């Protein structure tokens, strides 16, 4: 389940400058230099436990605490927001009381389980305009100094071609020093589902545009790769750094043998990825739920 990051525009409120008596006050907009995002996919599954005892509740607590400490921070979802088939009641009874607590500050993307219902109507009815225009499942937002692009890895044929054309135009018309994309099905993964070719063309467009980060899920584990070029070869200078973050709450799953392109991975820990997006760089840190200890942290520069 792969995901591109797309976020809605966020800016700090303008500061009011002091003025002399009789003079009109002036306002000076202040650009947001850094923004924090909290990320996970494969989230809400209440088939065996009520939402209060679910792992989605535990990961939601991590995100909620982060958002409470930073009014500019946002959450991203990497698809498979509910299980098993994305019914409206799954959203209302399992997702909404957990991750839905910060719905207004969420940039979502859809997964294959969300498309278990015809046209993913549970997903689009729940998220509404947050899911992008025309129920197509992809959109772009400026967040701080970054361009965040959410893509839909659940379409093919003419719909996929329309998405790719949109992505090409978006990258050409709105160039940013730093770009993050997110969707559900990973192009590269050593999890049980393995690599997914469906988003290879999107990866190439992002690679050509020197995008910086791609986030996905689908495999219920955490995996971070070395920066990779359009073919999946190591490219420390210009490659895309990608993460699989399928640790949002659904049952964790087995992994295959690691590859040379894998830097770190884990399939025993629930949690969320915290990304601090700066003007020309970024930091990452995997935050485990209470009682678990795996973590991963580092930093990188935009191209």
C-alpha atoms as a PDB file:
ATOM      1  CA  UNK A   1       0.000   0.000   0.000  1.00  0.00           C
ATOM      2  CA  UNK A   2       1.890   2.895  -1.158  1.00  0.00           C
ATOM      3  CA  UNK A   3       1.389   6.502  -0.600  1.00  0.00           C
ATOM      4  CA  UNK A   4       2.647   9.975  -1.877  1.00  0.00           C
ATOM      5  CA  UNK A   5       2.569  12.846   0.479  1.00  0.00           C
ATOM      6  CA  UNK A   6       0.255  15.540  -0.239  1.00  0.00           C
ATOM      7  CA  UNK A   7      -0.730  18.110   2.332  1.00  0.00           C
ATOM      8  CA  UNK A   8      -2.940  21.072   2.566  1.00  0.00           C
ATOM      9  CA  UNK A   9      -1.304  24.460   2.721  1.00  0.00           C
ATOM     10  CA  UNK A  10      -0.331  25.472   6.213  1.00  0.00           C
ATOM     11  CA  UNK A  11       0.954  28.865   7.204  1.00  0.00           C
ATOM     12  CA  UNK A  12       1.444  30.737  10.419  1.00  0.00           C
ATOM     13  CA  UNK A  13      -0.941  33.504  11.252  1.00  0.00           C
ATOM     14  CA  UNK A  14       0.438  36.897  10.264  1.00  0.00           C
ATOM     15  CA  UNK A  15       2.040  38.858  13.071  1.00  0.00           C
ATOM     16  CA  UNK A  16       0.754  42.352  13.764  1.00  0.00           C
ATOM     17  CA  UNK A  17       3.518  44.919  13.884  1.00  0.00           C
ATOM     18  CA  UNK A  18       3.309  47.757  16.341  1.00  0.00           C
ATOM     19  CA  UNK A  19       2.362  51.097  14.756  1.00  0.00           C
ATOM     20  CA  UNK A  20       2.764  54.708  15.778  1.00  0.00           C
ATOM     21  CA  UNK A  21      -0.342  56.571  16.922  1.00  0.00           C
ATOM     22  CA  UNK A  22      -2.349  57.651  13.937  1.00  0.00           C
ATOM     23  CA  UNK A  23      -0.686  55.187  11.614  1.00  0.00           C
ATOM     24  CA  UNK A  24      -2.370  52.114  10.187  1.00  0.00           C
ATOM     25  CA  UNK A  25      -1.091  48.853  11.592  1.00  0.00           C
ATOM     26  CA  UNK A  26       0.828  46.583   9.243  1.00  0.00           C
ATOM     27  CA  UNK A  27       0.866  42.840   8.936  1.00  0.00           C
ATOM     28  CA  UNK A  28       3.815  40.743   7.918  1.00  0.00           C
ATOM     29  CA  UNK A  29       3.234  37.114   6.908  1.00  0.00           C
ATOM     30  CA  UNK A  30       5.657  34.646   8.397  1.00  0.00           C
ATOM     31  CA  UNK A  31       6.601  31.579   6.399  1.00  0.00           C
ATOM     32  CA  UNK A  32       6.538  28.243   8.167  1.00  0.00           C
ATOM     33  CA  UNK A  33      10.137  27.013   8.115  1.00  0.00           C
ATOM     34  CA  UNK A  34       9.548  23.533   9.536  1.00  0.00           C
ATOM     35  CA  UNK A  35       6.515  21.262   9.778  1.00  0.00           C
ATOM     36  CA  UNK A  36       6.133  17.890  11.492  1.00  0.00           C
ATOM     37  CA  UNK A  37       4.050  15.060  10.020  1.00  0.00           C
ATOM     38  CA  UNK A  38       3.048  11.773  11.662  1.00  0.00           C
ATOM     39  CA  UNK A  39       2.650   8.850   9.286  1.00  0.00           C
ATOM     40  CA  UNK A  40       1.301   5.275   9.177  1.00  0.00           C
ATOM     41  CA  UNK A  41      -0.882   3.003   7.104  1.00  0.00           C
ATOM     42  CA  UNK A  42      -2.805  -0.245   7.697  1.00  0.00           C
ATOM     43  CA  UNK A  43      -4.622   1.256  10.631  1.00  0.00           C
ATOM     44  CA  UNK A  44      -8.054   0.481  12.066  1.00  0.00           C
ATOM     45  CA  UNK A  45      -9.094  -3.151  12.634  1.00  0.00           C
ATOM     46  CA  UNK A  46     -11.731  -3.797  15.283  1.00  0.00           C
ATOM     47  CA  UNK A  47     -12.801  -7.295  14.234  1.00  0.00           C
ATOM     48  CA  UNK A  48     -11.426  -8.979  17.357  1.00  0.00           C
ATOM     49  CA  UNK A  49     -11.250  -6.142  19.874  1.00  0.00           C
ATOM     50  CA  UNK A  50     -13.209  -2.955  20.561  1.00  0.00           C
ATOM     51  CA  UNK A  51     -11.534   0.212  19.364  1.00  0.00           C
ATOM     52  CA  UNK A  52     -10.483   1.115  22.916  1.00  0.00           C
ATOM     53  CA  UNK A  53      -8.277  -2.003  23.022  1.00  0.00           C
ATOM     54  CA  UNK A  54      -7.090  -1.880  19.415  1.00  0.00           C
ATOM     55  CA  UNK A  55      -3.580  -1.060  18.284  1.00  0.00           C
ATOM     56  CA  UNK A  56      -5.096   1.772  16.226  1.00  0.00           C
ATOM     57  CA  UNK A  57      -5.980   3.401  19.538  1.00  0.00           C
ATOM     58  CA  UNK A  58      -2.365   3.110  20.713  1.00  0.00           C
ATOM     59  CA  UNK A  59      -0.907   4.594  17.541  1.00  0.00           C
ATOM     60  CA  UNK A  60      -3.583   7.306  17.578  1.00  0.00           C
ATOM     61  CA  UNK A  61      -2.410   8.299  21.046  1.00  0.00           C
ATOM     62  CA  UNK A  62       1.107   8.855  19.678  1.00  0.00           C
ATOM     63  CA  UNK A  63      -0.169  11.085  16.871  1.00  0.00           C
ATOM     64  CA  UNK A  64      -2.591  12.940  19.107  1.00  0.00           C
ATOM     65  CA  UNK A  65       0.160  13.789  21.586  1.00  0.00           C
ATOM     66  CA  UNK A  66       2.370  15.111  18.803  1.00  0.00           C
ATOM     67  CA  UNK A  67      -0.394  17.222  17.284  1.00  0.00           C
ATOM     68  CA  UNK A  68      -1.276  18.652  20.702  1.00  0.00           C
ATOM     69  CA  UNK A  69       2.283  19.902  21.139  1.00  0.00           C
ATOM     70  CA  UNK A  70       2.503  21.468  17.683  1.00  0.00           C
ATOM     71  CA  UNK A  71      -0.482  23.275  16.139  1.00  0.00           C
ATOM     72  CA  UNK A  72       1.181  23.202  12.690  1.00  0.00           C
ATOM     73  CA  UNK A  73       1.729  19.424  12.641  1.00  0.00           C
ATOM     74  CA  UNK A  74      -0.402  17.109  10.483  1.00  0.00           C
ATOM     75  CA  UNK A  75      -1.055  13.377  10.094  1.00  0.00           C
ATOM     76  CA  UNK A  76      -0.757  11.322   6.898  1.00  0.00           C
ATOM     77  CA  UNK A  77      -2.386   7.959   6.226  1.00  0.00           C
ATOM     78  CA  UNK A  78      -0.898   5.461   3.784  1.00  0.00           C
ATOM     79  CA  UNK A  79      -4.028   3.518   2.912  1.00  0.00           C
ATOM     80  CA  UNK A  80      -5.991   0.577   4.321  1.00  0.00           C
ATOM     81  CA  UNK A  81      -7.477   2.999   6.779  1.00  0.00           C
ATOM     82  CA  UNK A  82     -10.002   0.357   7.913  1.00  0.00           C
ATOM     83  CA  UNK A  83     -10.498  -3.414   7.782  1.00  0.00           C
ATOM     84  CA  UNK A  84     -11.661  -5.633   6.304  1.00  0.00           C
ATOM     85  CA  UNK A  85     -13.401  -3.913   3.355  1.00  0.00           C
ATOM     86  CA  UNK A  86     -13.764  -0.205   4.098  1.00  0.00           C
ATOM     87  CA  UNK A  87     -17.459  -0.230   5.048  1.00  0.00           C
ATOM     88  CA  UNK A  88     -18.936   3.031   6.344  1.00  0.00           C
ATOM     89  CA  UNK A  89     -19.465   1.412   9.753  1.00  0.00           C
ATOM     90  CA  UNK A  90     -15.776   0.455   9.883  1.00  0.00           C
ATOM     91  CA  UNK A  91     -14.938   4.118   9.542  1.00  0.00           C
ATOM     92  CA  UNK A  92     -17.580   5.261  12.030  1.00  0.00           C
ATOM     93  CA  UNK A  93     -16.989   2.556  14.645  1.00  0.00           C
ATOM     94  CA  UNK A  94     -13.232   1.901  14.455  1.00  0.00           C
ATOM     95  CA  UNK A  95     -11.333   4.610  12.551  1.00  0.00           C
ATOM     96  CA  UNK A  96     -13.324   7.628  13.685  1.00  0.00           C
ATOM     97  CA  UNK A  97     -12.993   7.040  17.458  1.00  0.00           C
ATOM     98  CA  UNK A  98      -9.229   6.463  17.060  1.00  0.00           C
ATOM     99  CA  UNK A  99      -7.463   8.262  14.192  1.00  0.00           C
ATOM    100  CA  UNK A 100     -10.632  10.198  13.458  1.00  0.00           C
ATOM    101  CA  UNK A 101      -9.978  12.292  16.533  1.00  0.00           C
ATOM    102  CA  UNK A 102      -7.593  14.358  14.377  1.00  0.00           C
ATOM    103  CA  UNK A 103      -9.421  13.932  11.066  1.00  0.00           C
ATOM    104  CA  UNK A 104      -9.379  17.675  10.325  1.00  0.00           C
ATOM    105  CA  UNK A 105      -5.578  17.620  10.428  1.00  0.00           C
ATOM    106  CA  UNK A 106      -5.182  14.481   8.333  1.00  0.00           C
ATOM    107  CA  UNK A 107      -4.023  14.056   4.738  1.00  0.00           C
ATOM    108  CA  UNK A 108      -5.285  10.596   3.716  1.00  0.00           C
ATOM    109  CA  UNK A 109      -4.557   8.181   0.900  1.00  0.00           C
ATOM    110  CA  UNK A 110      -6.563   5.050  -0.027  1.00  0.00           C
ATOM    111  CA  UNK A 111      -5.532   1.389   0.091  1.00  0.00           C
ATOM    112  CA  UNK A 112      -6.857  -1.807  -1.425  1.00  0.00           C
ATOM    113  CA  UNK A 113      -8.944  -2.627   1.658  1.00  0.00           C
ATOM    114  CA  UNK A 114     -10.591   0.799   1.359  1.00  0.00           C
ATOM    115  CA  UNK A 115     -11.544  -0.289  -2.145  1.00  0.00           C
ATOM    116  CA  UNK A 116     -13.254  -3.388  -0.773  1.00  0.00           C
ATOM    117  CA  UNK A 117     -16.461  -1.401  -1.170  1.00  0.00           C
ATOM    118  CA  UNK A 118     -17.602  -0.289  -4.660  1.00  0.00           C
ATOM    119  CA  UNK A 119     -15.674   2.850  -5.683  1.00  0.00           C
ATOM    120  CA  UNK A 120     -14.300   3.004  -2.107  1.00  0.00           C
ATOM    121  CA  UNK A 121     -17.428   4.902  -1.128  1.00  0.00           C
ATOM    122  CA  UNK A 122     -16.839   4.356   2.601  1.00  0.00           C
ATOM    123  CA  UNK A 123     -13.443   6.056   2.323  1.00  0.00           C
ATOM    124  CA  UNK A 124     -14.571   8.968   0.162  1.00  0.00           C
ATOM    125  CA  UNK A 125     -17.786   9.566   2.100  1.00  0.00           C
ATOM    126  CA  UNK A 126     -15.829   9.679   5.343  1.00  0.00           C
ATOM    127  CA  UNK A 127     -12.936  11.910   4.292  1.00  0.00           C
ATOM    128  CA  UNK A 128     -14.851  14.075   1.823  1.00  0.00           C
ATOM    129  CA  UNK A 129     -12.785  16.975   0.475  1.00  0.00           C
ATOM    130  CA  UNK A 130      -9.771  15.840   2.500  1.00  0.00           C
ATOM    131  CA  UNK A 131      -9.393  12.926   0.051  1.00  0.00           C
ATOM    132  CA  UNK A 132      -8.934  15.270  -2.908  1.00  0.00           C
ATOM    133  CA  UNK A 133     -11.286  16.372  -5.695  1.00  0.00           C
ATOM    134  CA  UNK A 134     -13.688  14.236  -7.709  1.00  0.00           C
ATOM    135  CA  UNK A 135     -13.111  11.064  -5.652  1.00  0.00           C
ATOM    136  CA  UNK A 136     -10.048  10.330  -7.735  1.00  0.00           C
ATOM    137  CA  UNK A 137      -7.826   9.707  -4.683  1.00  0.00           C
ATOM    138  CA  UNK A 138      -4.876  11.979  -5.531  1.00  0.00           C
ATOM    139  CA  UNK A 139      -4.051  15.594  -4.762  1.00  0.00           C
ATOM    140  CA  UNK A 140      -1.183  17.920  -3.840  1.00  0.00           C
ATOM    141  CA  UNK A 141      -0.681  20.357  -0.978  1.00  0.00           C
ATOM    142  CA  UNK A 142       2.011  22.773   0.124  1.00  0.00           C
ATOM    143  CA  UNK A 143       3.016  22.132   3.724  1.00  0.00           C
ATOM    144  CA  UNK A 144       5.627  24.463   5.120  1.00  0.00           C
ATOM    145  CA  UNK A 145       8.363  24.602   2.480  1.00  0.00           C
ATOM    146  CA  UNK A 146       7.476  21.161   1.095  1.00  0.00           C
ATOM    147  CA  UNK A 147       5.221  19.886  -1.668  1.00  0.00           C
ATOM    148  CA  UNK A 148       3.250  16.864  -0.436  1.00  0.00           C
ATOM    149  CA  UNK A 149       1.623  14.645  -3.051  1.00  0.00           C
ATOM    150  CA  UNK A 150      -0.924  11.945  -2.270  1.00  0.00           C
ATOM    151  CA  UNK A 151      -1.367   9.320  -4.995  1.00  0.00           C
ATOM    152  CA  UNK A 152      -3.836   6.488  -5.581  1.00  0.00           C
ATOM    153  CA  UNK A 153      -2.182   3.110  -6.197  1.00  0.00           C
ATOM    154  CA  UNK A 154      -5.545   1.333  -6.567  1.00  0.00           C
ATOM    155  CA  UNK A 155      -6.363   2.476 -10.104  1.00  0.00           C
ATOM    156  CA  UNK A 156      -5.166   1.261 -13.499  1.00  0.00           C
ATOM    157  CA  UNK A 157      -5.824   1.762 -17.201  1.00  0.00           C
ATOM    158  CA  UNK A 158      -7.163   5.165 -18.181  1.00  0.00           C
ATOM    159  CA  UNK A 159      -7.480   6.264 -14.549  1.00  0.00           C
ATOM    160  CA  UNK A 160      -3.819   5.555 -13.889  1.00  0.00           C
ATOM    161  CA  UNK A 161      -2.786   7.353 -17.080  1.00  0.00           C
ATOM    162  CA  UNK A 162      -4.802  10.398 -16.029  1.00  0.00           C
ATOM    163  CA  UNK A 163      -3.113  10.322 -12.627  1.00  0.00           C
ATOM    164  CA  UNK A 164       0.349  10.092 -14.169  1.00  0.00           C
ATOM    165  CA  UNK A 165      -0.370  13.011 -16.510  1.00  0.00           C
ATOM    166  CA  UNK A 166      -1.605  15.035 -13.526  1.00  0.00           C
ATOM    167  CA  UNK A 167       1.512  14.116 -11.541  1.00  0.00           C
ATOM    168  CA  UNK A 168       3.810  15.156 -14.390  1.00  0.00           C
ATOM    169  CA  UNK A 169       2.071  18.520 -14.681  1.00  0.00           C
ATOM    170  CA  UNK A 170       2.059  19.005 -10.920  1.00  0.00           C
ATOM    171  CA  UNK A 171       5.807  18.402 -10.701  1.00  0.00           C
ATOM    172  CA  UNK A 172       6.486  20.709 -13.659  1.00  0.00           C
ATOM    173  CA  UNK A 173       4.155  23.529 -12.631  1.00  0.00           C
ATOM    174  CA  UNK A 174       4.784  23.566  -8.886  1.00  0.00           C
ATOM    175  CA  UNK A 175       8.479  22.816  -8.440  1.00  0.00           C
ATOM    176  CA  UNK A 176       9.671  22.801  -4.829  1.00  0.00           C
ATOM    177  CA  UNK A 177      13.116  22.367  -3.351  1.00  0.00           C
ATOM    178  CA  UNK A 178      11.651  19.521  -1.243  1.00  0.00           C
ATOM    179  CA  UNK A 179       9.010  17.007  -2.359  1.00  0.00           C
ATOM    180  CA  UNK A 180       7.339  14.125  -0.544  1.00  0.00           C
ATOM    181  CA  UNK A 181       4.879  11.675  -2.091  1.00  0.00           C
ATOM    182  CA  UNK A 182       2.764   9.010  -0.407  1.00  0.00           C
ATOM    183  CA  UNK A 183       0.455   6.161  -1.435  1.00  0.00           C
ATOM    184  CA  UNK A 184      -0.336   2.573  -0.480  1.00  0.00           C
ATOM    185  CA  UNK A 185       1.498  -0.076  -2.554  1.00  0.00           C
ATOM    186  CA  UNK A 186       5.318   0.150  -2.271  1.00  0.00           C
ATOM    187  CA  UNK A 187       7.424  -0.053  -5.401  1.00  0.00           C
ATOM    188  CA  UNK A 188      10.121  -1.694  -3.267  1.00  0.00           C
ATOM    189  CA  UNK A 189       9.515  -3.913  -0.219  1.00  0.00           C
ATOM    190  CA  UNK A 190      10.848  -7.061   1.423  1.00  0.00           C
ATOM    191  CA  UNK A 191       7.543  -7.635   3.211  1.00  0.00           C
ATOM    192  CA  UNK A 192       5.129 -10.411   2.387  1.00  0.00           C
ATOM    193  CA  UNK A 193       3.607  -8.614  -0.607  1.00  0.00           C
ATOM    194  CA  UNK A 194       7.004  -7.702  -2.070  1.00  0.00           C
ATOM    195  CA  UNK A 195       7.569  -5.145  -4.835  1.00  0.00           C
ATOM    196  CA  UNK A 196       4.630  -3.595  -6.700  1.00  0.00           C
ATOM    197  CA  UNK A 197       4.995  -2.523 -10.333  1.00  0.00           C
ATOM    198  CA  UNK A 198       1.730  -0.555 -10.395  1.00  0.00           C
ATOM    199  CA  UNK A 199       3.483   2.626  -9.220  1.00  0.00           C
ATOM    200  CA  UNK A 200       6.768   2.216 -11.109  1.00  0.00           C
ATOM    201  CA  UNK A 201       5.849   4.910 -13.642  1.00  0.00           C
ATOM    202  CA  UNK A 202       4.963   7.332 -10.843  1.00  0.00           C
ATOM    203  CA  UNK A 203       8.270   6.549  -9.137  1.00  0.00           C
ATOM    204  CA  UNK A 204      10.128   7.393 -12.371  1.00  0.00           C
ATOM    205  CA  UNK A 205       8.370  10.752 -12.680  1.00  0.00           C
ATOM    206  CA  UNK A 206       9.265  11.537  -9.093  1.00  0.00           C
ATOM    207  CA  UNK A 207      12.842  10.388  -9.650  1.00  0.00           C
ATOM    208  CA  UNK A 208      13.164  12.591 -12.736  1.00  0.00           C
ATOM    209  CA  UNK A 209      11.903  15.522 -10.658  1.00  0.00           C
ATOM    210  CA  UNK A 210      14.432  14.712  -7.893  1.00  0.00           C
ATOM    211  CA  UNK A 211      11.740  14.108  -5.272  1.00  0.00           C
ATOM    212  CA  UNK A 212      13.095  13.416  -1.817  1.00  0.00           C
ATOM    213  CA  UNK A 213      10.788  11.042   0.085  1.00  0.00           C
ATOM    214  CA  UNK A 214       8.184   8.388  -0.790  1.00  0.00           C
ATOM    215  CA  UNK A 215       6.001   6.828   1.907  1.00  0.00           C
ATOM    216  CA  UNK A 216       3.943   3.635   1.518  1.00  0.00           C
ATOM    217  CA  UNK A 217       2.506   0.763   3.555  1.00  0.00           C
ATOM    218  CA  UNK A 218       0.579  -2.377   2.381  1.00  0.00           C
ATOM    219  CA  UNK A 219       3.102  -4.675   4.077  1.00  0.00           C
ATOM    220  CA  UNK A 220       2.396  -4.625   7.803  1.00  0.00           C
ATOM    221  CA  UNK A 221       5.908  -3.779   8.914  1.00  0.00           C
ATOM    222  CA  UNK A 222       8.458  -0.962   8.980  1.00  0.00           C
ATOM    223  CA  UNK A 223      11.239  -0.731   6.418  1.00  0.00           C
ATOM    224  CA  UNK A 224      13.615   2.040   5.375  1.00  0.00           C
ATOM    225  CA  UNK A 225      15.620   1.890   2.172  1.00  0.00           C
ATOM    226  CA  UNK A 226      18.782   3.576   0.961  1.00  0.00           C
ATOM    227  CA  UNK A 227      18.111   6.356  -1.569  1.00  0.00           C
ATOM    228  CA  UNK A 228      17.220   4.727  -4.902  1.00  0.00           C
ATOM    229  CA  UNK A 229      17.148   5.843  -8.527  1.00  0.00           C
ATOM    230  CA  UNK A 230      14.364   5.208 -11.042  1.00  0.00           C
ATOM    231  CA  UNK A 231      15.462   1.560 -11.466  1.00  0.00           C
ATOM    232  CA  UNK A 232      15.826   0.794  -7.771  1.00  0.00           C
ATOM    233  CA  UNK A 233      19.608   1.105  -7.775  1.00  0.00           C
ATOM    234  CA  UNK A 234      21.457   2.821  -4.942  1.00  0.00           C
ATOM    235  CA  UNK A 235      21.938   6.541  -5.589  1.00  0.00           C
ATOM    236  CA  UNK A 236      23.052   8.328  -2.437  1.00  0.00           C
ATOM    237  CA  UNK A 237      23.236  11.725  -4.157  1.00  0.00           C
ATOM    238  CA  UNK A 238      20.001  12.008  -6.153  1.00  0.00           C
ATOM    239  CA  UNK A 239      17.939   8.972  -5.135  1.00  0.00           C
ATOM    240  CA  UNK A 240      14.551   8.892  -3.407  1.00  0.00           C
ATOM    241  CA  UNK A 241      14.538   7.804   0.237  1.00  0.00           C
ATOM    242  CA  UNK A 242      11.527   5.542   0.784  1.00  0.00           C
ATOM    243  CA  UNK A 243       9.805   4.070   3.824  1.00  0.00           C
ATOM    244  CA  UNK A 244       7.203   1.345   4.305  1.00  0.00           C
ATOM    245  CA  UNK A 245       5.167   2.204   7.407  1.00  0.00           C
ATOM    246  CA  UNK A 246       2.414  -0.409   7.688  1.00  0.00           C
ATOM    247  CA  UNK A 247       2.454  -0.291  11.476  1.00  0.00           C
ATOM    248  CA  UNK A 248      -0.666   1.755  12.194  1.00  0.00           C
ATOM    249  CA  UNK A 249      -2.696  -0.941  13.952  1.00  0.00           C
ATOM    250  CA  UNK A 250      -3.513  -3.924  11.729  1.00  0.00           C
ATOM    251  CA  UNK A 251      -1.885  -7.275  12.564  1.00  0.00           C
ATOM    252  CA  UNK A 252       1.830  -7.288  11.714  1.00  0.00           C
ATOM    253  CA  UNK A 253       2.943  -9.771   9.056  1.00  0.00           C
ATOM    254  CA  UNK A 254       6.043 -11.811   8.046  1.00  0.00           C
ATOM    255  CA  UNK A 255       8.893 -10.464   5.930  1.00  0.00           C
ATOM    256  CA  UNK A 256      11.079 -12.072   3.250  1.00  0.00           C
ATOM    257  CA  UNK A 257      14.887 -11.992   3.252  1.00  0.00           C
ATOM    258  CA  UNK A 258      16.337  -8.466   3.369  1.00  0.00           C
ATOM    259  CA  UNK A 259      17.897  -6.925   0.260  1.00  0.00           C
ATOM    260  CA  UNK A 260      21.059  -4.900  -0.122  1.00  0.00           C
ATOM    261  CA  UNK A 261      18.904  -1.789  -0.531  1.00  0.00           C
ATOM    262  CA  UNK A 262      17.311  -2.272   2.926  1.00  0.00           C
ATOM    263  CA  UNK A 263      18.870  -0.143   5.670  1.00  0.00           C
ATOM    264  CA  UNK A 264      16.652  -1.209   8.578  1.00  0.00           C
ATOM    265  CA  UNK A 265      13.397  -3.109   9.068  1.00  0.00           C
ATOM    266  CA  UNK A 266      11.135  -4.506  11.780  1.00  0.00           C
ATOM    267  CA  UNK A 267       7.850  -6.430  11.850  1.00  0.00           C
ATOM    268  CA  UNK A 268       7.322  -6.739  15.606  1.00  0.00           C
ATOM    269  CA  UNK A 269       6.508  -3.150  16.546  1.00  0.00           C
ATOM    270  CA  UNK A 270       3.473  -0.920  16.112  1.00  0.00           C
ATOM    271  CA  UNK A 271       4.043   2.780  15.795  1.00  0.00           C
ATOM    272  CA  UNK A 272       4.202   5.847  13.571  1.00  0.00           C
ATOM    273  CA  UNK A 273       6.906   7.620  11.602  1.00  0.00           C
ATOM    274  CA  UNK A 274       7.585  11.200  12.662  1.00  0.00           C
ATOM    275  CA  UNK A 275       9.038  13.410   9.930  1.00  0.00           C
ATOM    276  CA  UNK A 276      10.325  16.898  10.645  1.00  0.00           C
ATOM    277  CA  UNK A 277      10.307  18.737   7.316  1.00  0.00           C
ATOM    278  CA  UNK A 278      12.681  21.700   7.279  1.00  0.00           C
ATOM    279  CA  UNK A 279      13.365  24.282   4.601  1.00  0.00           C
ATOM    280  CA  UNK A 280      16.130  22.264   2.912  1.00  0.00           C
ATOM    281  CA  UNK A 281      16.316  19.040   4.908  1.00  0.00           C
ATOM    282  CA  UNK A 282      14.365  16.541   7.004  1.00  0.00           C
ATOM    283  CA  UNK A 283      14.665  14.333  10.078  1.00  0.00           C
ATOM    284  CA  UNK A 284      12.899  11.041  10.669  1.00  0.00           C
ATOM    285  CA  UNK A 285      12.139   9.032  13.802  1.00  0.00           C
ATOM    286  CA  UNK A 286      10.035   5.900  14.218  1.00  0.00           C
ATOM    287  CA  UNK A 287       7.960   6.183  17.398  1.00  0.00           C
ATOM    288  CA  UNK A 288       6.899   2.835  18.928  1.00  0.00           C
ATOM    289  CA  UNK A 289       3.687   2.451  20.918  1.00  0.00           C
ATOM    290  CA  UNK A 290       3.922   2.275  24.696  1.00  0.00           C
ATOM    291  CA  UNK A 291       5.660  -0.885  25.874  1.00  0.00           C
ATOM    292  CA  UNK A 292       7.654  -1.462  22.669  1.00  0.00           C
ATOM    293  CA  UNK A 293      11.211  -0.343  22.061  1.00  0.00           C
ATOM    294  CA  UNK A 294      12.205  -0.502  18.378  1.00  0.00           C
ATOM    295  CA  UNK A 295      13.087   2.874  16.932  1.00  0.00           C
ATOM    296  CA  UNK A 296      14.883   4.349  13.940  1.00  0.00           C
ATOM    297  CA  UNK A 297      16.087   7.887  13.422  1.00  0.00           C
ATOM    298  CA  UNK A 298      18.185   9.896  11.031  1.00  0.00           C
ATOM    299  CA  UNK A 299      18.272  12.914   8.754  1.00  0.00           C
ATOM    300  CA  UNK A 300      18.724  13.858   5.117  1.00  0.00           C
ATOM    301  CA  UNK A 301      18.978  16.846   2.798  1.00  0.00           C
ATOM    302  CA  UNK A 302      16.695  17.826  -0.054  1.00  0.00           C
ATOM    303  CA  UNK A 303      18.113  17.577  -3.571  1.00  0.00           C
END
